[in-house]
């Protein structure tokens, strides 16, 4: 990635609940660094007991690249034991 490229994360649930975590424009400090996106809890809750497909797209000046799609089974966390 280079300064000015744009990265968009998608968190897609089967049905109408596609979530786009927003688009980040790559800054100089982001080049070569790990990039973190946050999916709000409300979107995770919508996906409980189903699968979400997660992927990102990098848009360059003249083309785009898409990551492989990762399918995640979203389950409720077990209750904490005392």
N, C-alpha and C. Protein backbone atom coordinates (compact mmCIF):
# COMPACT_ATOMS: atom_id res chain seq x y z
N UNK A 1 0.83 -1.18 0.00
CA UNK A 1 0.00 0.00 0.00
C UNK A 1 0.88 1.24 0.00
N UNK A 2 0.29 2.29 -0.50
CA UNK A 2 1.02 3.56 -0.57
C UNK A 2 0.12 4.68 -0.06
N UNK A 3 0.73 5.79 0.28
CA UNK A 3 -0.01 6.95 0.75
C UNK A 3 -1.08 7.30 -0.28
N UNK A 4 -2.30 7.49 0.20
CA UNK A 4 -3.41 7.86 -0.68
C UNK A 4 -4.28 6.69 -1.11
N UNK A 5 -3.79 5.44 -0.98
CA UNK A 5 -4.64 4.28 -1.28
C UNK A 5 -5.80 4.27 -0.30
N UNK A 6 -6.90 3.61 -0.65
CA UNK A 6 -8.08 3.55 0.21
C UNK A 6 -8.41 2.09 0.52
N UNK A 7 -8.70 1.81 1.79
CA UNK A 7 -9.01 0.45 2.25
C UNK A 7 -10.41 0.45 2.84
N UNK A 8 -11.26 -0.48 2.36
CA UNK A 8 -12.62 -0.61 2.88
C UNK A 8 -12.81 -2.02 3.40
N UNK A 9 -13.34 -2.14 4.61
CA UNK A 9 -13.64 -3.44 5.21
C UNK A 9 -15.12 -3.72 5.08
N UNK A 10 -15.46 -4.97 4.72
CA UNK A 10 -16.85 -5.41 4.64
C UNK A 10 -17.09 -6.55 5.62
N UNK A 11 -18.18 -6.46 6.36
CA UNK A 11 -18.62 -7.48 7.31
C UNK A 11 -20.04 -7.82 6.89
N UNK A 12 -20.18 -8.86 6.10
CA UNK A 12 -21.46 -9.18 5.46
C UNK A 12 -22.14 -10.35 6.14
N UNK A 13 -23.40 -10.15 6.47
CA UNK A 13 -24.24 -11.18 7.06
C UNK A 13 -25.22 -11.61 5.98
N UNK A 14 -25.60 -12.88 5.97
CA UNK A 14 -26.58 -13.34 5.00
C UNK A 14 -27.83 -12.49 5.16
N UNK A 15 -28.31 -11.90 4.08
CA UNK A 15 -29.49 -11.05 4.16
C UNK A 15 -29.11 -9.59 3.95
N UNK A 16 -29.95 -8.69 4.43
CA UNK A 16 -29.77 -7.27 4.11
C UNK A 16 -28.82 -6.52 5.04
N UNK A 17 -28.09 -7.23 5.90
CA UNK A 17 -27.31 -6.56 6.94
C UNK A 17 -25.84 -6.41 6.61
N UNK A 18 -25.53 -6.00 5.40
CA UNK A 18 -24.13 -5.75 5.06
C UNK A 18 -23.65 -4.56 5.86
N UNK A 19 -22.45 -4.66 6.38
CA UNK A 19 -21.86 -3.56 7.13
C UNK A 19 -20.54 -3.19 6.49
N UNK A 20 -20.39 -1.94 6.18
CA UNK A 20 -19.15 -1.41 5.65
C UNK A 20 -18.51 -0.63 6.79
N UNK A 21 -17.36 -1.08 7.27
CA UNK A 21 -16.71 -0.46 8.43
C UNK A 21 -16.09 0.88 8.08
N UNK A 22 -16.34 1.35 6.91
CA UNK A 22 -15.78 2.63 6.52
C UNK A 22 -14.55 2.45 5.66
N UNK A 23 -14.13 3.54 5.10
CA UNK A 23 -12.95 3.54 4.24
C UNK A 23 -11.88 4.39 4.88
N UNK A 24 -10.70 3.84 4.95
CA UNK A 24 -9.54 4.57 5.46
C UNK A 24 -8.66 4.97 4.29
N UNK A 25 -8.15 6.17 4.34
CA UNK A 25 -7.16 6.60 3.36
C UNK A 25 -5.79 6.42 4.00
N UNK A 26 -4.91 5.71 3.31
CA UNK A 26 -3.60 5.37 3.85
C UNK A 26 -2.75 6.64 4.01
N UNK A 27 -2.24 6.81 5.23
CA UNK A 27 -1.33 7.92 5.52
C UNK A 27 0.10 7.37 5.56
N UNK A 28 1.07 8.25 5.67
CA UNK A 28 2.47 7.82 5.70
C UNK A 28 2.73 6.87 6.86
N UNK A 29 2.16 7.13 8.04
CA UNK A 29 2.43 6.27 9.20
C UNK A 29 1.76 4.91 9.08
N UNK A 30 0.77 4.76 8.18
CA UNK A 30 0.08 3.48 7.99
C UNK A 30 0.82 2.55 7.03
N UNK A 31 1.68 3.10 6.20
CA UNK A 31 2.39 2.30 5.20
C UNK A 31 3.27 1.29 5.94
N UNK A 32 3.07 0.01 5.66
CA UNK A 32 3.85 -1.05 6.26
C UNK A 32 3.41 -1.43 7.67
N UNK A 33 2.36 -0.78 8.19
CA UNK A 33 1.90 -1.07 9.55
C UNK A 33 0.62 -1.90 9.51
N UNK A 34 0.29 -2.55 10.64
CA UNK A 34 -1.00 -3.23 10.75
C UNK A 34 -2.10 -2.19 10.82
N UNK A 35 -3.22 -2.49 10.21
CA UNK A 35 -4.36 -1.57 10.20
C UNK A 35 -5.52 -2.26 10.89
N UNK A 36 -6.18 -1.55 11.80
CA UNK A 36 -7.28 -2.12 12.57
C UNK A 36 -8.60 -1.46 12.20
N UNK A 37 -9.61 -2.29 11.94
CA UNK A 37 -10.98 -1.82 11.76
C UNK A 37 -11.79 -2.32 12.94
N UNK A 38 -12.78 -1.58 13.36
CA UNK A 38 -13.67 -2.00 14.44
C UNK A 38 -15.07 -2.20 13.90
N UNK A 39 -15.65 -3.36 14.17
CA UNK A 39 -17.04 -3.64 13.82
C UNK A 39 -17.85 -3.41 15.10
N UNK A 40 -18.82 -2.51 15.07
CA UNK A 40 -19.60 -2.22 16.27
C UNK A 40 -20.33 -3.45 16.80
N UNK A 41 -20.49 -3.48 18.12
CA UNK A 41 -21.17 -4.59 18.78
C UNK A 41 -22.56 -4.82 18.18
N UNK A 42 -23.26 -3.76 17.82
CA UNK A 42 -24.61 -3.90 17.27
C UNK A 42 -24.60 -4.73 15.98
N UNK A 43 -23.53 -4.65 15.20
CA UNK A 43 -23.43 -5.46 13.99
C UNK A 43 -23.05 -6.90 14.30
N UNK A 44 -22.27 -7.10 15.34
CA UNK A 44 -21.93 -8.46 15.76
C UNK A 44 -23.19 -9.15 16.28
N UNK A 45 -23.99 -8.43 17.07
CA UNK A 45 -25.22 -9.00 17.63
C UNK A 45 -26.17 -9.43 16.50
N UNK A 46 -26.27 -8.64 15.44
CA UNK A 46 -27.12 -9.01 14.30
C UNK A 46 -26.67 -10.32 13.66
N UNK A 47 -25.40 -10.64 13.82
CA UNK A 47 -24.83 -11.83 13.17
C UNK A 47 -24.82 -13.06 14.06
N UNK A 48 -25.30 -12.95 15.31
CA UNK A 48 -25.26 -14.10 16.22
C UNK A 48 -25.95 -15.31 15.61
N UNK A 49 -25.33 -16.46 15.80
CA UNK A 49 -25.84 -17.74 15.31
C UNK A 49 -25.97 -17.81 13.80
N UNK A 50 -25.15 -17.05 13.12
CA UNK A 50 -25.11 -17.10 11.67
C UNK A 50 -23.65 -16.94 11.23
N UNK A 51 -23.45 -16.77 9.96
CA UNK A 51 -22.10 -16.58 9.45
C UNK A 51 -21.95 -15.18 8.90
N UNK A 52 -20.78 -14.65 9.05
CA UNK A 52 -20.45 -13.35 8.46
C UNK A 52 -19.28 -13.56 7.51
N UNK A 53 -19.33 -12.91 6.40
CA UNK A 53 -18.23 -12.97 5.44
C UNK A 53 -17.48 -11.64 5.53
N UNK A 54 -16.19 -11.74 5.79
CA UNK A 54 -15.37 -10.56 6.02
C UNK A 54 -14.30 -10.48 4.94
N UNK A 55 -14.13 -9.29 4.39
CA UNK A 55 -13.08 -9.07 3.41
C UNK A 55 -12.80 -7.59 3.32
N UNK A 56 -11.70 -7.26 2.69
CA UNK A 56 -11.38 -5.85 2.48
C UNK A 56 -10.99 -5.61 1.03
N UNK A 57 -11.13 -4.39 0.63
CA UNK A 57 -10.77 -3.98 -0.73
C UNK A 57 -9.79 -2.81 -0.62
N UNK A 58 -8.71 -2.89 -1.36
CA UNK A 58 -7.75 -1.79 -1.44
C UNK A 58 -7.91 -1.15 -2.81
N UNK A 59 -8.19 0.15 -2.80
CA UNK A 59 -8.35 0.90 -4.06
C UNK A 59 -7.09 1.74 -4.27
N UNK A 60 -6.45 1.48 -5.39
CA UNK A 60 -5.26 2.23 -5.78
C UNK A 60 -5.71 3.30 -6.78
N UNK A 61 -4.77 4.04 -7.32
CA UNK A 61 -5.12 5.08 -8.30
C UNK A 61 -5.83 4.50 -9.52
N UNK A 62 -5.36 3.34 -10.00
CA UNK A 62 -5.88 2.83 -11.27
C UNK A 62 -6.62 1.50 -11.18
N UNK A 63 -6.57 0.81 -10.04
CA UNK A 63 -7.25 -0.49 -9.94
C UNK A 63 -7.56 -0.80 -8.48
N UNK A 64 -8.15 -1.97 -8.23
CA UNK A 64 -8.45 -2.41 -6.87
C UNK A 64 -8.00 -3.85 -6.68
N UNK A 65 -7.73 -4.20 -5.44
CA UNK A 65 -7.45 -5.58 -5.05
C UNK A 65 -8.39 -5.95 -3.92
N UNK A 66 -8.86 -7.17 -3.94
CA UNK A 66 -9.75 -7.66 -2.90
C UNK A 66 -9.07 -8.81 -2.17
N UNK A 67 -9.20 -8.82 -0.84
CA UNK A 67 -8.64 -9.91 -0.06
C UNK A 67 -9.49 -11.16 -0.26
N UNK A 68 -8.95 -12.32 0.10
CA UNK A 68 -9.80 -13.50 0.14
C UNK A 68 -10.92 -13.26 1.17
N UNK A 69 -12.07 -13.88 0.95
CA UNK A 69 -13.17 -13.74 1.89
C UNK A 69 -13.02 -14.77 3.00
N UNK A 70 -13.15 -14.31 4.23
CA UNK A 70 -13.07 -15.16 5.40
C UNK A 70 -14.48 -15.33 5.95
N UNK A 71 -14.95 -16.57 6.08
CA UNK A 71 -16.28 -16.83 6.63
C UNK A 71 -16.15 -17.14 8.11
N UNK A 72 -16.84 -16.35 8.94
CA UNK A 72 -16.78 -16.51 10.39
C UNK A 72 -18.14 -16.94 10.92
N UNK A 73 -18.17 -17.95 11.76
CA UNK A 73 -19.38 -18.36 12.46
C UNK A 73 -19.44 -17.51 13.73
N UNK A 74 -20.50 -16.74 13.89
CA UNK A 74 -20.61 -15.82 15.02
C UNK A 74 -21.47 -16.48 16.11
N UNK A 75 -20.85 -16.77 17.24
CA UNK A 75 -21.52 -17.43 18.35
C UNK A 75 -21.46 -16.56 19.59
N UNK A 76 -22.42 -16.73 20.46
CA UNK A 76 -22.42 -16.02 21.73
C UNK A 76 -21.30 -16.59 22.59
N UNK A 77 -20.57 -15.72 23.27
CA UNK A 77 -19.49 -16.19 24.15
C UNK A 77 -20.08 -16.96 25.31
N UNK A 78 -19.40 -18.02 25.75
CA UNK A 78 -19.91 -18.78 26.90
C UNK A 78 -19.89 -17.91 28.15
N UNK A 79 -20.80 -18.19 29.06
CA UNK A 79 -20.85 -17.46 30.32
C UNK A 79 -19.56 -17.69 31.09
N UNK A 80 -19.10 -16.66 31.76
CA UNK A 80 -17.88 -16.77 32.55
C UNK A 80 -18.11 -17.70 33.73
N UNK A 81 -17.16 -18.56 33.98
CA UNK A 81 -17.30 -19.46 35.15
C UNK A 81 -16.82 -18.74 36.39
N UNK A 82 -17.45 -19.11 37.54
CA UNK A 82 -17.07 -18.42 38.77
C UNK A 82 -16.09 -19.23 39.57
